[in-house]
Amino acid sequence: MSPQPMPAVGEPAPEFRLRGPGGPSIALSDYRGSKNVVLVFFPLAFSPVCSHQLPALEKEARRIEALGAVLLGISVDSHYANAAFARSLGLSFPLLSDFDRSTSEAYGMLIPEKLYSGRALFVVDRQGTIAYRDAAPVPAEVPSQAELLAALERLQ
């Protein structure tokens, strides 16, 4: 299995429908026309770097919301593991389960030899287009929150 390329800025964002907290599904298209969407790909629930990255994003959640966006975390973990992880970190935004790995693959984030995703931030604008992307070269690095916030400000 060779990795898919990441969708480029200006390209349509791949649609998805993933299980969220408690099991109900959330689709990217649920926000089309109303909100920008920040997709936070993270490798695995309860891993050390993720346990620091996601709370740092939580600290910016109100600002992100004020900039007209919603945060959605995505990992290959089950929705049960993601719900427990979100509770343990006190997150207000949903962590979605890409258990079949199709969304990670569509966004070019699946690491085939590991079967989990890399770490990245994508902004999908209200029209469903990739407006920003920042993928860490290795999963131990974290994409820039400052650049994410600047990208959201440009969409205002």
N, C-alpha and C. Protein backbone atom coordinates (compact mmCIF):
# COMPACT_ATOMS: atom_id res chain seq x y z
N MET A 1 0.85 -1.17 0.00
CA MET A 1 0.00 0.00 0.00
C MET A 1 0.90 1.24 0.00
N SER A 2 0.79 2.08 -1.02
CA SER A 2 1.59 3.30 -1.06
C SER A 2 0.73 4.46 -0.56
N PRO A 3 1.36 5.43 0.09
CA PRO A 3 0.60 6.53 0.66
C PRO A 3 -0.07 7.40 -0.41
N GLN A 4 -1.27 7.88 -0.09
CA GLN A 4 -1.99 8.82 -0.93
C GLN A 4 -1.37 10.20 -0.74
N PRO A 5 -1.40 11.05 -1.76
CA PRO A 5 -0.94 12.42 -1.56
C PRO A 5 -1.96 13.21 -0.75
N MET A 6 -1.47 14.20 -0.02
CA MET A 6 -2.38 15.08 0.71
C MET A 6 -3.10 15.98 -0.28
N PRO A 7 -4.38 16.28 -0.04
CA PRO A 7 -5.06 17.25 -0.91
C PRO A 7 -4.39 18.62 -0.73
N ALA A 8 -4.23 19.32 -1.83
CA ALA A 8 -3.56 20.62 -1.82
C ALA A 8 -4.51 21.73 -1.42
N VAL A 9 -3.95 22.82 -0.94
CA VAL A 9 -4.74 24.01 -0.68
C VAL A 9 -5.42 24.41 -1.99
N GLY A 10 -6.72 24.68 -1.90
CA GLY A 10 -7.51 25.04 -3.07
C GLY A 10 -8.28 23.87 -3.65
N GLU A 11 -7.95 22.64 -3.25
CA GLU A 11 -8.67 21.46 -3.74
C GLU A 11 -9.86 21.16 -2.83
N PRO A 12 -10.86 20.46 -3.37
CA PRO A 12 -11.98 20.05 -2.51
C PRO A 12 -11.49 19.10 -1.41
N ALA A 13 -12.04 19.29 -0.22
CA ALA A 13 -11.69 18.42 0.90
C ALA A 13 -12.43 17.09 0.74
N PRO A 14 -11.74 15.97 0.95
CA PRO A 14 -12.44 14.68 0.89
C PRO A 14 -13.55 14.61 1.95
N GLU A 15 -14.72 14.19 1.51
CA GLU A 15 -15.86 14.04 2.41
C GLU A 15 -15.63 12.84 3.33
N PHE A 16 -16.19 12.90 4.52
CA PHE A 16 -16.14 11.76 5.44
C PHE A 16 -17.38 11.78 6.32
N ARG A 17 -17.67 10.64 6.88
CA ARG A 17 -18.68 10.48 7.93
C ARG A 17 -18.05 9.51 8.92
N LEU A 18 -17.76 10.02 10.13
CA LEU A 18 -17.04 9.23 11.14
C LEU A 18 -17.81 9.22 12.44
N ARG A 19 -17.64 8.12 13.19
CA ARG A 19 -18.30 8.00 14.49
C ARG A 19 -17.62 8.90 15.50
N GLY A 20 -18.46 9.62 16.23
CA GLY A 20 -17.97 10.53 17.25
C GLY A 20 -18.27 10.01 18.64
N PRO A 21 -18.20 10.88 19.62
CA PRO A 21 -18.46 10.50 21.01
C PRO A 21 -19.85 9.91 21.15
N GLY A 22 -19.95 8.78 21.81
CA GLY A 22 -21.23 8.13 22.01
C GLY A 22 -21.74 7.35 20.81
N GLY A 23 -21.03 7.43 19.69
CA GLY A 23 -21.39 6.64 18.53
C GLY A 23 -22.03 7.35 17.36
N PRO A 24 -22.74 8.51 17.55
CA PRO A 24 -23.33 9.16 16.38
C PRO A 24 -22.26 9.63 15.40
N SER A 25 -22.62 9.65 14.13
CA SER A 25 -21.67 10.05 13.09
C SER A 25 -21.69 11.55 12.86
N ILE A 26 -20.54 12.05 12.49
CA ILE A 26 -20.37 13.45 12.10
C ILE A 26 -19.76 13.44 10.71
N ALA A 27 -20.34 14.24 9.81
CA ALA A 27 -19.84 14.35 8.44
C ALA A 27 -19.24 15.74 8.23
N LEU A 28 -18.24 15.81 7.38
CA LEU A 28 -17.67 17.11 7.03
C LEU A 28 -18.75 18.01 6.44
N SER A 29 -19.60 17.44 5.60
CA SER A 29 -20.64 18.23 4.94
C SER A 29 -21.68 18.79 5.91
N ASP A 30 -21.72 18.32 7.16
CA ASP A 30 -22.62 18.88 8.17
C ASP A 30 -22.35 20.37 8.38
N TYR A 31 -21.13 20.81 8.08
CA TYR A 31 -20.72 22.19 8.35
C TYR A 31 -20.67 23.06 7.09
N ARG A 32 -20.89 22.45 5.91
CA ARG A 32 -20.80 23.19 4.66
C ARG A 32 -21.77 24.36 4.66
N GLY A 33 -21.27 25.52 4.30
CA GLY A 33 -22.07 26.73 4.23
C GLY A 33 -22.23 27.47 5.55
N SER A 34 -21.82 26.84 6.66
CA SER A 34 -22.02 27.51 7.95
C SER A 34 -20.75 27.72 8.75
N LYS A 35 -19.82 26.79 8.71
CA LYS A 35 -18.61 26.88 9.55
C LYS A 35 -17.39 26.42 8.77
N ASN A 36 -16.24 27.04 9.08
CA ASN A 36 -14.96 26.47 8.67
C ASN A 36 -14.69 25.32 9.62
N VAL A 37 -13.92 24.34 9.18
CA VAL A 37 -13.65 23.16 9.99
C VAL A 37 -12.14 22.97 10.12
N VAL A 38 -11.68 22.82 11.36
CA VAL A 38 -10.28 22.49 11.62
C VAL A 38 -10.23 20.99 11.89
N LEU A 39 -9.53 20.28 11.02
CA LEU A 39 -9.34 18.84 11.21
C LEU A 39 -7.98 18.64 11.87
N VAL A 40 -7.98 17.93 12.98
CA VAL A 40 -6.77 17.66 13.74
C VAL A 40 -6.50 16.16 13.66
N PHE A 41 -5.61 15.77 12.75
CA PHE A 41 -5.22 14.36 12.67
C PHE A 41 -4.16 14.10 13.73
N PHE A 42 -4.40 13.06 14.54
CA PHE A 42 -3.42 12.67 15.55
C PHE A 42 -3.27 11.16 15.52
N PRO A 43 -2.05 10.66 15.80
CA PRO A 43 -1.79 9.23 15.62
C PRO A 43 -2.63 8.31 16.50
N LEU A 44 -2.53 8.45 17.82
CA LEU A 44 -3.18 7.48 18.70
C LEU A 44 -3.60 8.11 20.02
N ALA A 45 -4.78 7.76 20.47
CA ALA A 45 -5.26 8.19 21.78
C ALA A 45 -4.31 7.69 22.86
N PHE A 46 -4.18 8.48 23.89
CA PHE A 46 -3.38 8.17 25.08
C PHE A 46 -1.87 8.12 24.81
N SER A 47 -1.42 8.59 23.66
CA SER A 47 0.02 8.65 23.41
C SER A 47 0.55 9.98 23.95
N PRO A 48 1.85 10.04 24.29
CA PRO A 48 2.38 11.22 24.99
C PRO A 48 2.24 12.54 24.23
N VAL A 49 2.60 12.59 22.96
CA VAL A 49 2.56 13.85 22.23
C VAL A 49 1.10 14.30 22.05
N CYS A 50 0.22 13.37 21.74
CA CYS A 50 -1.20 13.70 21.58
C CYS A 50 -1.78 14.23 22.89
N SER A 51 -1.30 13.70 24.00
CA SER A 51 -1.78 14.11 25.31
C SER A 51 -1.37 15.53 25.66
N HIS A 52 -0.42 16.10 24.90
CA HIS A 52 -0.02 17.50 25.08
C HIS A 52 -0.62 18.37 23.97
N GLN A 53 -0.67 17.86 22.74
CA GLN A 53 -1.16 18.65 21.61
C GLN A 53 -2.64 18.99 21.76
N LEU A 54 -3.47 18.01 22.07
CA LEU A 54 -4.92 18.25 22.10
C LEU A 54 -5.32 19.22 23.20
N PRO A 55 -4.77 19.15 24.43
CA PRO A 55 -5.11 20.17 25.43
C PRO A 55 -4.64 21.58 25.02
N ALA A 56 -3.54 21.67 24.29
CA ALA A 56 -3.08 22.98 23.80
C ALA A 56 -4.10 23.56 22.82
N LEU A 57 -4.67 22.70 21.98
CA LEU A 57 -5.73 23.16 21.07
C LEU A 57 -7.00 23.52 21.85
N GLU A 58 -7.29 22.77 22.88
CA GLU A 58 -8.46 23.06 23.72
C GLU A 58 -8.35 24.48 24.30
N LYS A 59 -7.15 24.89 24.67
CA LYS A 59 -6.95 26.25 25.21
C LYS A 59 -7.31 27.32 24.18
N GLU A 60 -7.24 26.98 22.90
CA GLU A 60 -7.56 27.93 21.83
C GLU A 60 -8.96 27.70 21.26
N ALA A 61 -9.72 26.77 21.82
CA ALA A 61 -11.03 26.39 21.26
C ALA A 61 -11.98 27.58 21.15
N ARG A 62 -12.04 28.42 22.17
CA ARG A 62 -12.94 29.58 22.11
C ARG A 62 -12.52 30.55 21.02
N ARG A 63 -11.23 30.76 20.90
CA ARG A 63 -10.74 31.66 19.85
C ARG A 63 -11.04 31.09 18.47
N ILE A 64 -10.83 29.79 18.31
CA ILE A 64 -11.12 29.12 17.04
C ILE A 64 -12.60 29.25 16.71
N GLU A 65 -13.44 29.04 17.70
CA GLU A 65 -14.88 29.18 17.50
C GLU A 65 -15.24 30.62 17.14
N ALA A 66 -14.62 31.60 17.81
CA ALA A 66 -14.87 33.02 17.51
C ALA A 66 -14.46 33.37 16.08
N LEU A 67 -13.52 32.60 15.53
CA LEU A 67 -13.08 32.81 14.14
C LEU A 67 -13.95 32.03 13.16
N GLY A 68 -15.08 31.51 13.62
CA GLY A 68 -16.04 30.86 12.74
C GLY A 68 -15.73 29.43 12.37
N ALA A 69 -14.99 28.74 13.25
CA ALA A 69 -14.58 27.37 12.94
C ALA A 69 -14.94 26.41 14.07
N VAL A 70 -15.03 25.14 13.70
CA VAL A 70 -15.18 24.07 14.68
C VAL A 70 -13.93 23.19 14.61
N LEU A 71 -13.59 22.61 15.73
CA LEU A 71 -12.47 21.66 15.83
C LEU A 71 -13.00 20.24 15.79
N LEU A 72 -12.37 19.39 14.98
CA LEU A 72 -12.69 17.96 14.95
C LEU A 72 -11.38 17.19 14.99
N GLY A 73 -11.17 16.40 16.02
CA GLY A 73 -10.01 15.52 16.08
C GLY A 73 -10.31 14.23 15.34
N ILE A 74 -9.29 13.66 14.69
CA ILE A 74 -9.47 12.40 13.94
C ILE A 74 -8.30 11.48 14.23
N SER A 75 -8.62 10.25 14.65
CA SER A 75 -7.59 9.23 14.81
C SER A 75 -8.17 7.88 14.39
N VAL A 76 -7.31 6.88 14.29
CA VAL A 76 -7.74 5.54 13.89
C VAL A 76 -8.28 4.73 15.07
N ASP A 77 -8.29 5.33 16.25
CA ASP A 77 -8.80 4.64 17.43
C ASP A 77 -10.32 4.45 17.34
N SER A 78 -10.85 3.53 18.13
CA SER A 78 -12.30 3.34 18.18
C SER A 78 -12.95 4.57 18.80
N HIS A 79 -14.26 4.72 18.56
CA HIS A 79 -14.95 5.86 19.16
C HIS A 79 -14.99 5.72 20.69
N TYR A 80 -14.93 4.50 21.19
CA TYR A 80 -14.88 4.29 22.64
C TYR A 80 -13.57 4.82 23.22
N ALA A 81 -12.45 4.49 22.59
CA ALA A 81 -11.14 4.97 23.06
C ALA A 81 -11.06 6.49 22.95
N ASN A 82 -11.55 7.03 21.83
CA ASN A 82 -11.51 8.48 21.66
C ASN A 82 -12.36 9.20 22.70
N ALA A 83 -13.53 8.64 23.03
CA ALA A 83 -14.38 9.26 24.05
C ALA A 83 -13.68 9.25 25.41
N ALA A 84 -13.04 8.15 25.75
CA ALA A 84 -12.32 8.06 27.02
C ALA A 84 -11.13 9.02 27.04
N PHE A 85 -10.44 9.12 25.92
CA PHE A 85 -9.29 10.02 25.81
C PHE A 85 -9.75 11.47 25.96
N ALA A 86 -10.81 11.85 25.26
CA ALA A 86 -11.33 13.22 25.35
C ALA A 86 -11.75 13.55 26.78
N ARG A 87 -12.43 12.61 27.45
CA ARG A 87 -12.82 12.82 28.86
C ARG A 87 -11.59 13.01 29.74
N SER A 88 -10.57 12.17 29.53
CA SER A 88 -9.37 12.25 30.38
C SER A 88 -8.64 13.57 30.22
N LEU A 89 -8.77 14.19 29.04
CA LEU A 89 -8.09 15.46 28.76
C LEU A 89 -8.99 16.67 28.99
N GLY A 90 -10.28 16.44 29.22
CA GLY A 90 -11.21 17.54 29.40
C GLY A 90 -11.47 18.32 28.12
N LEU A 91 -11.54 17.62 26.99
CA LEU A 91 -11.73 18.29 25.71
C LEU A 91 -13.20 18.62 25.48
N SER A 92 -13.45 19.77 24.86
CA SER A 92 -14.81 20.17 24.51
C SER A 92 -15.15 19.84 23.07
N PHE A 93 -14.14 19.51 22.27
CA PHE A 93 -14.38 19.20 20.86
C PHE A 93 -14.34 17.69 20.65
N PRO A 94 -15.09 17.19 19.64
CA PRO A 94 -15.19 15.75 19.44
C PRO A 94 -13.94 15.14 18.81
N LEU A 95 -13.63 13.93 19.23
CA LEU A 95 -12.59 13.12 18.60
C LEU A 95 -13.31 12.03 17.82
N LEU A 96 -13.06 12.00 16.52
CA LEU A 96 -13.78 11.09 15.62
C LEU A 96 -12.95 9.86 15.32
N SER A 97 -13.63 8.74 15.15
CA SER A 97 -12.99 7.46 14.90
C SER A 97 -12.91 7.14 13.41
N ASP A 98 -11.69 7.10 12.92
CA ASP A 98 -11.42 6.67 11.53
C ASP A 98 -10.92 5.22 11.59
N PHE A 99 -11.74 4.38 12.20
CA PHE A 99 -11.33 3.00 12.48
C PHE A 99 -10.97 2.22 11.22
N ASP A 100 -11.63 2.51 10.09
CA ASP A 100 -11.29 1.81 8.85
C ASP A 100 -10.16 2.50 8.08
N ARG A 101 -9.68 3.63 8.60
CA ARG A 101 -8.53 4.36 8.08
C ARG A 101 -8.78 5.05 6.73
N SER A 102 -10.01 5.05 6.25
CA SER A 102 -10.30 5.62 4.93
C SER A 102 -10.12 7.14 4.88
N THR A 103 -10.46 7.83 5.97
CA THR A 103 -10.30 9.29 5.98
C THR A 103 -8.83 9.66 6.09
N SER A 104 -8.10 8.97 6.95
CA SER A 104 -6.65 9.22 7.04
C SER A 104 -5.98 9.01 5.69
N GLU A 105 -6.41 7.97 4.99
CA GLU A 105 -5.86 7.69 3.67
C GLU A 105 -6.25 8.78 2.67
N ALA A 106 -7.51 9.19 2.67
CA ALA A 106 -7.98 10.20 1.72
C ALA A 106 -7.26 11.54 1.90
N TYR A 107 -6.86 11.84 3.13
CA TYR A 107 -6.15 13.08 3.41
C TYR A 107 -4.64 12.92 3.32
N GLY A 108 -4.17 11.76 2.89
CA GLY A 108 -2.73 11.54 2.75
C GLY A 108 -2.00 11.42 4.07
N MET A 109 -2.72 11.10 5.12
CA MET A 109 -2.13 11.06 6.46
C MET A 109 -1.82 9.65 6.96
N LEU A 110 -2.32 8.62 6.30
CA LEU A 110 -2.09 7.26 6.77
C LEU A 110 -0.63 6.87 6.56
N ILE A 111 -0.02 6.36 7.61
CA ILE A 111 1.34 5.82 7.53
C ILE A 111 1.16 4.32 7.33
N PRO A 112 1.28 3.83 6.09
CA PRO A 112 0.91 2.44 5.79
C PRO A 112 1.61 1.40 6.66
N GLU A 113 2.88 1.58 6.91
CA GLU A 113 3.60 0.56 7.69
C GLU A 113 3.23 0.57 9.17
N LYS A 114 2.63 1.65 9.65
CA LYS A 114 2.22 1.74 11.06
C LYS A 114 0.72 1.55 11.23
N LEU A 115 -0.05 1.79 10.17
CA LEU A 115 -1.51 1.71 10.17
C LEU A 115 -2.16 2.72 11.11
N TYR A 116 -1.47 3.83 11.35
CA TYR A 116 -2.11 4.98 12.01
C TYR A 116 -1.72 6.22 11.24
N SER A 117 -2.34 7.34 11.59
CA SER A 117 -2.11 8.55 10.81
C SER A 117 -0.94 9.35 11.35
N GLY A 118 -0.46 10.22 10.50
CA GLY A 118 0.49 11.24 10.92
C GLY A 118 -0.25 12.33 11.67
N ARG A 119 0.49 13.35 12.00
CA ARG A 119 -0.08 14.47 12.76
C ARG A 119 -0.19 15.67 11.82
N ALA A 120 -1.39 16.25 11.73
CA ALA A 120 -1.59 17.37 10.81
C ALA A 120 -2.78 18.21 11.23
N LEU A 121 -2.79 19.43 10.72
CA LEU A 121 -3.93 20.33 10.84
C LEU A 121 -4.37 20.71 9.43
N PHE A 122 -5.65 20.61 9.16
CA PHE A 122 -6.24 21.07 7.91
C PHE A 122 -7.36 22.04 8.27
N VAL A 123 -7.49 23.09 7.47
CA VAL A 123 -8.66 23.95 7.58
C VAL A 123 -9.46 23.76 6.30
N VAL A 124 -10.72 23.41 6.47
CA VAL A 124 -11.65 23.28 5.36
C VAL A 124 -12.60 24.47 5.46
N ASP A 125 -12.66 25.26 4.40
CA ASP A 125 -13.52 26.45 4.46
C ASP A 125 -14.99 26.08 4.31
N ARG A 126 -15.84 27.08 4.44
CA ARG A 126 -17.29 26.86 4.40
C ARG A 126 -17.77 26.25 3.09
N GLN A 127 -16.99 26.42 2.02
CA GLN A 127 -17.36 25.87 0.72
C GLN A 127 -16.86 24.44 0.53
N GLY A 128 -16.13 23.91 1.52
CA GLY A 128 -15.64 22.54 1.43
C GLY A 128 -14.29 22.41 0.74
N THR A 129 -13.52 23.49 0.71
CA THR A 129 -12.20 23.51 0.05
C THR A 129 -11.10 23.55 1.11
N ILE A 130 -10.00 22.89 0.83
CA ILE A 130 -8.84 22.96 1.73
C ILE A 130 -8.29 24.39 1.66
N ALA A 131 -8.31 25.09 2.81
CA ALA A 131 -7.83 26.47 2.87
C ALA A 131 -6.44 26.55 3.50
N TYR A 132 -6.05 25.50 4.23
CA TYR A 132 -4.76 25.50 4.93
C TYR A 132 -4.44 24.05 5.29
N ARG A 133 -3.15 23.74 5.27
CA ARG A 133 -2.72 22.42 5.76
C ARG A 133 -1.31 22.55 6.32
N ASP A 134 -1.07 21.79 7.36
CA ASP A 134 0.25 21.76 7.99
C ASP A 134 0.43 20.35 8.55
N ALA A 135 1.24 19.56 7.87
CA ALA A 135 1.51 18.19 8.30
C ALA A 135 2.91 18.12 8.89
N ALA A 136 3.01 17.56 10.07
CA ALA A 136 4.31 17.39 10.70
C ALA A 136 5.11 16.36 9.93
N PRO A 137 6.42 16.59 9.73
CA PRO A 137 7.23 15.62 8.98
C PRO A 137 7.35 14.27 9.68
N VAL A 138 7.25 14.27 11.01
CA VAL A 138 7.24 13.03 11.80
C VAL A 138 6.17 13.18 12.88
N PRO A 139 5.54 12.07 13.30
CA PRO A 139 4.45 12.17 14.27
C PRO A 139 4.84 12.77 15.62
N ALA A 140 6.12 12.79 15.96
CA ALA A 140 6.53 13.36 17.25
C ALA A 140 6.53 14.89 17.24
N GLU A 141 6.43 15.50 16.06
CA GLU A 141 6.37 16.96 15.96
C GLU A 141 4.91 17.40 15.88
N VAL A 142 4.67 18.65 16.30
CA VAL A 142 3.31 19.18 16.34
C VAL A 142 3.22 20.38 15.40
N PRO A 143 2.20 20.41 14.53
CA PRO A 143 2.00 21.57 13.65
C PRO A 143 1.76 22.85 14.45
N SER A 144 2.05 23.97 13.85
CA SER A 144 1.99 25.27 14.51
C SER A 144 0.57 25.75 14.75
N GLN A 145 0.24 26.02 16.00
CA GLN A 145 -1.06 26.60 16.33
C GLN A 145 -1.13 28.05 15.88
N ALA A 146 -0.02 28.78 15.97
CA ALA A 146 -0.01 30.18 15.57
C ALA A 146 -0.34 30.31 14.08
N GLU A 147 0.22 29.44 13.26
CA GLU A 147 -0.07 29.47 11.83
C GLU A 147 -1.51 29.07 11.56
N LEU A 148 -2.03 28.12 12.32
CA LEU A 148 -3.44 27.73 12.20
C LEU A 148 -4.34 28.93 12.47
N LEU A 149 -4.10 29.62 13.57
CA LEU A 149 -4.92 30.78 13.93
C LEU A 149 -4.82 31.87 12.87
N ALA A 150 -3.62 32.09 12.33
CA ALA A 150 -3.46 33.09 11.26
C ALA A 150 -4.26 32.70 10.03
N ALA A 151 -4.28 31.41 9.71
CA ALA A 151 -5.04 30.93 8.55
C ALA A 151 -6.54 31.17 8.76
N LEU A 152 -7.01 30.93 9.97
CA LEU A 152 -8.44 31.17 10.27
C LEU A 152 -8.77 32.65 10.21
N GLU A 153 -7.85 33.49 10.68
CA GLU A 153 -8.07 34.95 10.61
C GLU A 153 -8.17 35.41 9.14
N ARG A 154 -7.38 34.82 8.26
CA ARG A 154 -7.42 35.19 6.85
C ARG A 154 -8.77 34.83 6.22
N LEU A 155 -9.46 33.86 6.76
CA LEU A 155 -10.75 33.45 6.21
C LEU A 155 -11.90 34.37 6.67
N GLN A 156 -11.63 35.24 7.60
CA GLN A 156 -12.68 36.15 8.11
C GLN A 156 -13.05 37.19 7.09
